[in-house]
PDB file of N, CA and C in Angstrom:
ATOM      1  N   MET A   1     -85.572 116.488  59.214  1.00  0.00           N
ATOM      2  CA  MET A   1     -84.166 116.048  58.878  1.00  0.00           C
ATOM      3  C   MET A   1     -82.995 116.961  59.328  1.00  0.00           C
ATOM      4  N   LYS A   2     -82.159 116.614  59.820  1.00  0.00           N
ATOM      5  CA  LYS A   2     -80.990 117.376  60.280  1.00  0.00           C
ATOM      6  C   LYS A   2     -80.229 117.887  58.985  1.00  0.00           C
ATOM      7  N   HIS A   3     -79.791 119.256  59.159  1.00  0.00           N
ATOM      8  CA  HIS A   3     -78.945 119.811  58.122  1.00  0.00           C
ATOM      9  C   HIS A   3     -77.487 119.185  58.106  1.00  0.00           C
ATOM     10  N   ASP A   4     -77.068 118.789  57.076  1.00  0.00           N
ATOM     11  CA  ASP A   4     -75.660 118.098  56.978  1.00  0.00           C
ATOM     12  C   ASP A   4     -74.870 119.123  56.258  1.00  0.00           C
ATOM     13  N   PRO A   5     -73.822 119.814  57.063  1.00  0.00           N
ATOM     14  CA  PRO A   5     -73.045 120.940  56.436  1.00  0.00           C
ATOM     15  C   PRO A   5     -72.198 120.422  55.215  1.00  0.00           C
ATOM     16  N   ILE A   6     -71.762 119.097  55.205  1.00  0.00           N
ATOM     17  CA  ILE A   6     -70.897 118.666  54.036  1.00  0.00           C
ATOM     18  C   ILE A   6     -71.896 118.572  52.968  1.00  0.00           C
ATOM     19  N   MET A   7     -73.111 118.278  52.947  1.00  0.00           N
ATOM     20  CA  MET A   7     -73.716 118.136  51.726  1.00  0.00           C
ATOM     21  C   MET A   7     -74.146 119.429  51.025  1.00  0.00           C
ATOM     22  N   SER A   8     -74.099 119.462  49.855  1.00  0.00           N
ATOM     23  CA  SER A   8     -74.393 120.750  49.008  1.00  0.00           C
ATOM     24  C   SER A   8     -75.766 120.547  48.293  1.00  0.00           C
ATOM     25  N   GLY A   9     -76.168 119.357  48.037  1.00  0.00           N
ATOM     26  CA  GLY A   9     -77.537 118.974  47.312  1.00  0.00           C
ATOM     27  C   GLY A   9     -77.077 119.139  45.793  1.00  0.00           C
ATOM     28  N   LYS A  10     -76.137 119.389  45.336  1.00  0.00           N
ATOM     29  CA  LYS A  10     -75.756 119.272  43.914  1.00  0.00           C
ATOM     30  C   LYS A  10     -75.023 118.009  43.786  1.00  0.00           C
ATOM     31  N   ARG A  11     -74.987 117.552  42.526  1.00  0.00           N
ATOM     32  CA  ARG A  11     -74.445 116.217  42.119  1.00  0.00           C
ATOM     33  C   ARG A  11     -73.311 116.498  41.038  1.00  0.00           C
ATOM     34  N   LYS A  12     -72.057 115.659  41.109  1.00  0.00           N
ATOM     35  CA  LYS A  12     -71.094 116.040  40.177  1.00  0.00           C
ATOM     36  C   LYS A  12     -70.573 114.594  39.579  1.00  0.00           C
ATOM     37  N   PRO A  13     -70.668 114.279  38.340  1.00  0.00           N
ATOM     38  CA  PRO A  13     -70.177 113.033  38.016  1.00  0.00           C
ATOM     39  C   PRO A  13     -68.647 112.834  38.238  1.00  0.00           C
ATOM     40  N   VAL A  14     -68.207 111.626  38.649  1.00  0.00           N
ATOM     41  CA  VAL A  14     -66.721 111.310  38.900  1.00  0.00           C
ATOM     42  C   VAL A  14     -66.554 109.988  38.412  1.00  0.00           C
ATOM     43  N   ASN A  15     -65.310 109.771  38.117  1.00  0.00           N
ATOM     44  CA  ASN A  15     -64.928 108.314  37.759  1.00  0.00           C
ATOM     45  C   ASN A  15     -64.293 107.666  39.055  1.00  0.00           C
ATOM     46  N   LEU A  16     -64.555 106.581  39.303  1.00  0.00           N
ATOM     47  CA  LEU A  16     -64.086 105.719  40.330  1.00  0.00           C
ATOM     48  C   LEU A  16     -63.588 104.488  40.079  1.00  0.00           C
ATOM     49  N   SER A  17     -62.580 103.901  40.336  1.00  0.00           N
ATOM     50  CA  SER A  17     -62.043 102.644  40.132  1.00  0.00           C
ATOM     51  C   SER A  17     -62.160 101.657  41.372  1.00  0.00           C
ATOM     52  N   ILE A  18     -63.130 100.724  41.241  1.00  0.00           N
ATOM     53  CA  ILE A  18     -63.590  99.945  42.219  1.00  0.00           C
ATOM     54  C   ILE A  18     -63.284  98.294  41.802  1.00  0.00           C
ATOM     55  N   ASP A  19     -62.755  97.702  42.771  1.00  0.00           N
ATOM     56  CA  ASP A  19     -62.779  96.086  42.617  1.00  0.00           C
ATOM     57  C   ASP A  19     -63.918  95.614  41.826  1.00  0.00           C
ATOM     58  N   THR A  20     -63.664  94.765  40.957  1.00  0.00           N
ATOM     59  CA  THR A  20     -64.960  94.281  40.161  1.00  0.00           C
ATOM     60  C   THR A  20     -65.583  93.212  40.944  1.00  0.00           C
ATOM     61  N   GLY A  21     -65.018  92.509  41.908  1.00  0.00           N
ATOM     62  CA  GLY A  21     -65.673  91.892  42.694  1.00  0.00           C
ATOM     63  C   GLY A  21     -66.619  92.426  43.753  1.00  0.00           C
ATOM     64  N   ILE A  22     -66.071  93.425  44.231  1.00  0.00           N
ATOM     65  CA  ILE A  22     -67.089  94.385  45.004  1.00  0.00           C
ATOM     66  C   ILE A  22     -68.278  94.957  44.392  1.00  0.00           C
ATOM     67  N   VAL A  23     -67.936  95.369  43.106  1.00  0.00           N
ATOM     68  CA  VAL A  23     -68.948  96.011  42.087  1.00  0.00           C
ATOM     69  C   VAL A  23     -70.070  94.928  42.077  1.00  0.00           C
ATOM     70  N   ALA A  24     -69.604  93.770  41.584  1.00  0.00           N
ATOM     71  CA  ALA A  24     -70.505  92.627  41.316  1.00  0.00           C
ATOM     72  C   ALA A  24     -71.368  92.269  42.494  1.00  0.00           C
ATOM     73  N   ALA A  25     -70.737  92.138  43.603  1.00  0.00           N
ATOM     74  CA  ALA A  25     -71.502  91.966  44.797  1.00  0.00           C
ATOM     75  C   ALA A  25     -72.485  92.976  45.199  1.00  0.00           C
ATOM     76  N   ALA A  26     -72.015  94.190  45.118  1.00  0.00           N
ATOM     77  CA  ALA A  26     -73.055  95.335  45.505  1.00  0.00           C
ATOM     78  C   ALA A  26     -74.211  95.216  44.440  1.00  0.00           C
ATOM     79  N   ARG A  27     -73.714  95.130  43.370  1.00  0.00           N
ATOM     80  CA  ARG A  27     -75.060  94.959  42.326  1.00  0.00           C
ATOM     81  C   ARG A  27     -76.021  94.024  42.454  1.00  0.00           C
ATOM     82  N   GLU A  28     -75.321  92.702  42.854  1.00  0.00           N
ATOM     83  CA  GLU A  28     -76.188  91.464  43.138  1.00  0.00           C
ATOM     84  C   GLU A  28     -77.074  91.796  44.413  1.00  0.00           C
ATOM     85  N   ALA A  29     -76.530  92.477  45.510  1.00  0.00           N
ATOM     86  CA  ALA A  29     -77.361  92.881  46.480  1.00  0.00           C
ATOM     87  C   ALA A  29     -78.219  94.040  46.368  1.00  0.00           C
ATOM     88  N   GLY A  30     -78.295  94.507  45.217  1.00  0.00           N
ATOM     89  CA  GLY A  30     -79.194  95.668  44.726  1.00  0.00           C
ATOM     90  C   GLY A  30     -78.750  97.049  45.579  1.00  0.00           C
ATOM     91  N   ILE A  31     -77.404  97.205  45.922  1.00  0.00           N
ATOM     92  CA  ILE A  31     -76.766  98.402  46.385  1.00  0.00           C
ATOM     93  C   ILE A  31     -76.942  99.410  45.282  1.00  0.00           C
ATOM     94  N   ASN A  32     -77.241 100.675  45.612  1.00  0.00           N
ATOM     95  CA  ASN A  32     -77.015 101.686  44.673  1.00  0.00           C
ATOM     96  C   ASN A  32     -75.389 102.216  44.971  1.00  0.00           C
ATOM     97  N   LEU A  33     -74.614 102.039  43.844  1.00  0.00           N
ATOM     98  CA  LEU A  33     -73.341 102.346  44.061  1.00  0.00           C
ATOM     99  C   LEU A  33     -72.994 103.838  44.330  1.00  0.00           C
ATOM    100  N   SER A  34     -73.703 104.686  43.635  1.00  0.00           N
ATOM    101  CA  SER A  34     -73.685 106.045  43.909  1.00  0.00           C
ATOM    102  C   SER A  34     -73.893 106.566  45.587  1.00  0.00           C
ATOM    103  N   GLN A  35     -74.903 105.862  45.792  1.00  0.00           N
ATOM    104  CA  GLN A  35     -75.418 106.323  47.321  1.00  0.00           C
ATOM    105  C   GLN A  35     -74.596 105.656  48.102  1.00  0.00           C
ATOM    106  N   ALA A  36     -74.012 104.516  47.983  1.00  0.00           N
ATOM    107  CA  ALA A  36     -73.348 103.843  48.929  1.00  0.00           C
ATOM    108  C   ALA A  36     -71.803 104.584  48.853  1.00  0.00           C
ATOM    109  N   CYS A  37     -71.251 104.807  47.797  1.00  0.00           N
ATOM    110  CA  CYS A  37     -70.028 105.461  47.814  1.00  0.00           C
ATOM    111  C   CYS A  37     -70.199 107.188  48.404  1.00  0.00           C
ATOM    112  N   GLU A  38     -71.179 107.748  48.178  1.00  0.00           N
ATOM    113  CA  GLU A  38     -71.536 109.112  48.660  1.00  0.00           C
ATOM    114  C   GLU A  38     -71.596 108.943  50.242  1.00  0.00           C
ATOM    115  N   ALA A  39     -72.274 108.101  50.714  1.00  0.00           N
ATOM    116  CA  ALA A  39     -72.589 107.812  52.218  1.00  0.00           C
ATOM    117  C   ALA A  39     -71.056 107.391  52.854  1.00  0.00           C
ATOM    118  N   ALA A  40     -70.392 106.558  52.118  1.00  0.00           N
ATOM    119  CA  ALA A  40     -68.873 106.218  52.917  1.00  0.00           C
ATOM    120  C   ALA A  40     -68.095 107.498  52.676  1.00  0.00           C
ATOM    121  N   LEU A  41     -68.168 108.252  51.690  1.00  0.00           N
ATOM    122  CA  LEU A  41     -67.336 109.445  51.513  1.00  0.00           C
ATOM    123  C   LEU A  41     -67.481 110.503  52.642  1.00  0.00           C
ATOM    124  N   ARG A  42     -68.858 110.647  52.959  1.00  0.00           N
ATOM    125  CA  ARG A  42     -69.469 111.743  53.646  1.00  0.00           C
ATOM    126  C   ARG A  42     -69.142 111.313  55.134  1.00  0.00           C
ATOM    127  N   ASP A  43     -69.155 109.865  55.579  1.00  0.00           N
ATOM    128  CA  ASP A  43     -68.858 109.380  56.805  1.00  0.00           C
ATOM    129  C   ASP A  43     -67.234 109.762  57.206  1.00  0.00           C
ATOM    130  N   SER A  44     -66.431 109.378  56.048  1.00  0.00           N
ATOM    131  CA  SER A  44     -64.972 109.538  56.218  1.00  0.00           C
ATOM    132  C   SER A  44     -64.571 111.018  56.270  1.00  0.00           C
ATOM    133  N   ALA A  45     -65.347 111.951  55.524  1.00  0.00           N
ATOM    134  CA  ALA A  45     -64.983 113.303  55.528  1.00  0.00           C
ATOM    135  C   ALA A  45     -65.294 113.809  56.895  1.00  0.00           C
ATOM    136  N   LYS A  46     -66.540 113.516  57.497  1.00  0.00           N
ATOM    137  CA  LYS A  46     -67.009 113.859  58.669  1.00  0.00           C
ATOM    138  C   LYS A  46     -65.948 113.433  59.891  1.00  0.00           C
ATOM    139  N   ALA A  47     -65.549 112.099  59.863  1.00  0.00           N
ATOM    140  CA  ALA A  47     -64.604 111.527  60.782  1.00  0.00           C
ATOM    141  C   ALA A  47     -63.358 112.271  60.729  1.00  0.00           C
ATOM    142  N   GLU A  48     -62.707 112.686  59.569  1.00  0.00           N
ATOM    143  CA  GLU A  48     -61.514 113.425  59.584  1.00  0.00           C
ATOM    144  C   GLU A  48     -61.709 114.866  59.955  1.00  0.00           C
ATOM    145  N   ARG A  49     -62.758 115.558  59.527  1.00  0.00           N
ATOM    146  CA  ARG A  49     -63.083 116.694  60.031  1.00  0.00           C
ATOM    147  C   ARG A  49     -63.136 116.847  61.630  1.00  0.00           C
ATOM    148  N   ASP A  50     -63.695 115.743  62.220  1.00  0.00           N
ATOM    149  CA  ASP A  50     -63.892 115.662  63.741  1.00  0.00           C
ATOM    150  C   ASP A  50     -62.420 115.586  64.346  1.00  0.00           C
ATOM    151  N   ARG A  51     -61.818 114.615  63.622  1.00  0.00           N
ATOM    152  CA  ARG A  51     -60.542 114.190  64.198  1.00  0.00           C
ATOM    153  C   ARG A  51     -59.430 115.669  64.256  1.00  0.00           C
ATOM    154  N   LYS A  52     -59.619 116.327  63.116  1.00  0.00           N
ATOM    155  CA  LYS A  52     -58.650 117.543  62.933  1.00  0.00           C
ATOM    156  C   LYS A  52     -59.150 118.624  64.193  1.00  0.00           C
ATOM    157  N   TRP A  53     -60.421 118.859  64.226  1.00  0.00           N
ATOM    158  CA  TRP A  53     -60.949 119.683  65.320  1.00  0.00           C
ATOM    159  C   TRP A  53     -60.381 119.256  66.508  1.00  0.00           C
ATOM    160  N   ARG A  54     -60.466 117.886  66.957  1.00  0.00           N
ATOM    161  CA  ARG A  54     -59.947 117.402  68.339  1.00  0.00           C
ATOM    162  C   ARG A  54     -58.352 117.755  68.440  1.00  0.00           C
ATOM    163  N   GLU A  55     -57.791 117.579  67.300  1.00  0.00           N
ATOM    164  CA  GLU A  55     -56.329 117.813  67.315  1.00  0.00           C
ATOM    165  C   GLU A  55     -56.287 119.366  67.502  1.00  0.00           C
ATOM    166  N   ASP A  56     -56.825 120.233  66.635  1.00  0.00           N
ATOM    167  CA  ASP A  56     -56.696 121.668  66.700  1.00  0.00           C
ATOM    168  C   ASP A  56     -57.140 122.138  67.930  1.00  0.00           C
ATOM    169  N   ASN A  57     -57.841 121.481  68.819  1.00  0.00           N
ATOM    170  CA  ASN A  57     -58.427 122.168  70.042  1.00  0.00           C
ATOM    171  C   ASN A  57     -57.976 121.291  71.333  1.00  0.00           C
ATOM    172  N   ARG A  58     -57.175 120.426  71.140  1.00  0.00           N
ATOM    173  CA  ARG A  58     -56.573 119.667  72.227  1.00  0.00           C
ATOM    174  C   ARG A  58     -56.042 120.381  73.330  1.00  0.00           C
ATOM    175  N   ASP A  59     -55.411 121.470  73.126  1.00  0.00           N
ATOM    176  CA  ASP A  59     -54.850 122.244  74.389  1.00  0.00           C
ATOM    177  C   ASP A  59     -55.927 122.940  75.104  1.00  0.00           C
ATOM    178  N   TRP A  60     -56.941 123.471  74.377  1.00  0.00           N
ATOM    179  CA  TRP A  60     -58.050 124.201  74.981  1.00  0.00           C
ATOM    180  C   TRP A  60     -58.802 123.292  75.822  1.00  0.00           C
ATOM    181  N   ALA A  61     -58.852 122.061  75.184  1.00  0.00           N
ATOM    182  CA  ALA A  61     -59.833 121.042  75.951  1.00  0.00           C
ATOM    183  C   ALA A  61     -59.095 120.576  77.294  1.00  0.00           C
ATOM    184  N   ASP A  62     -57.736 120.217  77.091  1.00  0.00           N
ATOM    185  CA  ASP A  62     -56.877 120.054  78.335  1.00  0.00           C
ATOM    186  C   ASP A  62     -56.802 120.967  79.432  1.00  0.00           C
ATOM    187  N   ALA A  63     -56.818 122.179  78.784  1.00  0.00           N
ATOM    188  CA  ALA A  63     -56.772 123.314  79.933  1.00  0.00           C
ATOM    189  C   ALA A  63     -58.294 123.501  80.562  1.00  0.00           C
ATOM    190  N   VAL A  64     -59.368 123.319  79.818  1.00  0.00           N
ATOM    191  CA  VAL A  64     -60.611 123.373  80.477  1.00  0.00           C
ATOM    192  C   VAL A  64     -60.814 122.042  81.530  1.00  0.00           C
ATOM    193  N   ASN A  65     -60.301 120.898  81.082  1.00  0.00           N
ATOM    194  CA  ASN A  65     -60.408 119.775  82.208  1.00  0.00           C
ATOM    195  C   ASN A  65     -59.660 119.958  83.120  1.00  0.00           C
ATOM    196  N   ARG A  66     -58.485 120.591  82.984  1.00  0.00           N
ATOM    197  CA  ARG A  66     -57.556 120.773  84.391  1.00  0.00           C
ATOM    198  C   ARG A  66     -58.218 121.742  85.083  1.00  0.00           C
ATOM    199  N   TRP A  67     -58.882 122.855  84.705  1.00  0.00           N
ATOM    200  CA  TRP A  67     -59.479 123.829  85.440  1.00  0.00           C
ATOM    201  C   TRP A  67     -60.744 123.217  86.133  1.00  0.00           C
ATOM    202  N   VAL A  68     -61.439 122.433  85.658  1.00  0.00           N
ATOM    203  CA  VAL A  68     -62.586 121.548  86.201  1.00  0.00           C
ATOM    204  C   VAL A  68     -62.082 120.696  87.337  1.00  0.00           C
ATOM    205  N   GLU A  69     -60.761 120.069  86.992  1.00  0.00           N
ATOM    206  CA  GLU A  69     -60.228 119.161  88.024  1.00  0.00           C
ATOM    207  C   GLU A  69     -60.001 119.917  89.361  1.00  0.00           C
ATOM    208  N   GLU A  70     -59.358 121.199  89.183  1.00  0.00           N
ATOM    209  CA  GLU A  70     -58.919 121.919  90.200  1.00  0.00           C
ATOM    210  C   GLU A  70     -59.942 122.913  90.956  1.00  0.00           C
ATOM    211  N   ASN A  71     -61.082 123.197  90.220  1.00  0.00           N
ATOM    212  CA  ASN A  71     -62.121 124.135  90.617  1.00  0.00           C
ATOM    213  C   ASN A  71     -63.446 123.505  90.874  1.00  0.00           C
ATOM    214  N   GLY A  72     -63.559 122.443  90.117  1.00  0.00           N
ATOM    215  CA  GLY A  72     -65.087 121.828  90.036  1.00  0.00           C
ATOM    216  C   GLY A  72     -65.862 122.486  89.128  1.00  0.00           C
ATOM    217  N   LEU A  73     -66.968 121.997  88.891  1.00  0.00           N
ATOM    218  CA  LEU A  73     -67.913 122.699  87.914  1.00  0.00           C
ATOM    219  C   LEU A  73     -68.404 123.714  88.425  1.00  0.00           C
ATOM    220  N   PRO A  74     -68.720 124.793  87.532  1.00  0.00           N
ATOM    221  CA  PRO A  74     -69.291 125.999  87.868  1.00  0.00           C
ATOM    222  C   PRO A  74     -70.760 125.858  88.010  1.00  0.00           C
ATOM    223  N   LEU A  75     -71.309 126.292  89.097  1.00  0.00           N
ATOM    224  CA  LEU A  75     -72.644 126.261  89.360  1.00  0.00           C
ATOM    225  C   LEU A  75     -73.276 124.863  89.872  1.00  0.00           C
ATOM    226  N   GLU A  76     -72.242 123.897  90.106  1.00  0.00           N
ATOM    227  CA  GLU A  76     -72.453 122.576  90.427  1.00  0.00           C
ATOM    228  C   GLU A  76     -73.598 122.355  91.617  1.00  0.00           C
ATOM    229  N   LYS A  77     -73.537 123.251  92.403  1.00  0.00           N
ATOM    230  CA  LYS A  77     -74.426 123.233  93.608  1.00  0.00           C
ATOM    231  C   LYS A  77     -76.010 123.400  93.195  1.00  0.00           C
ATOM    232  N   TYR A  78     -76.206 123.933  91.682  1.00  0.00           N
ATOM    233  CA  TYR A  78     -77.624 123.808  91.221  1.00  0.00           C
ATOM    234  C   TYR A  78     -78.003 122.701  90.461  1.00  0.00           C
ATOM    235  N   ARG A  79     -77.038 121.814  90.305  1.00  0.00           N
ATOM    236  CA  ARG A  79     -77.318 120.534  89.360  1.00  0.00           C
ATOM    237  C   ARG A  79     -78.139 119.700  90.072  1.00  0.00           C
ATOM    238  N   LEU A  80     -79.233 119.143  89.394  1.00  0.00           N
ATOM    239  CA  LEU A  80     -80.374 118.296  89.860  1.00  0.00           C
ATOM    240  C   LEU A  80     -79.993 116.869  89.754  1.00  0.00           C
ATOM    241  N   PHE A  81     -78.807 116.316  89.272  1.00  0.00           N
ATOM    242  CA  PHE A  81     -78.475 115.056  89.378  1.00  0.00           C
ATOM    243  C   PHE A  81     -76.911 114.804  89.882  1.00  0.00           C
TER     244      PHE A  81
END
């Protein structure tokens, strides 16, 4: 299993307000609310962390892409594809 840097392995009880219809449907479907909420929050946190990284590093990525456009890929002559 791949290490997830977001997960600590520890649990903290929290209070959430969730629409009663959603709770009823989830329970009827046998969905574990804690696991579903944790998975959704993990995915949202990762997406936001990735978005922020792209934003923070946009200038660097643009500079690298411009350099490659002007100069080609380093060691390209050794590529097998």
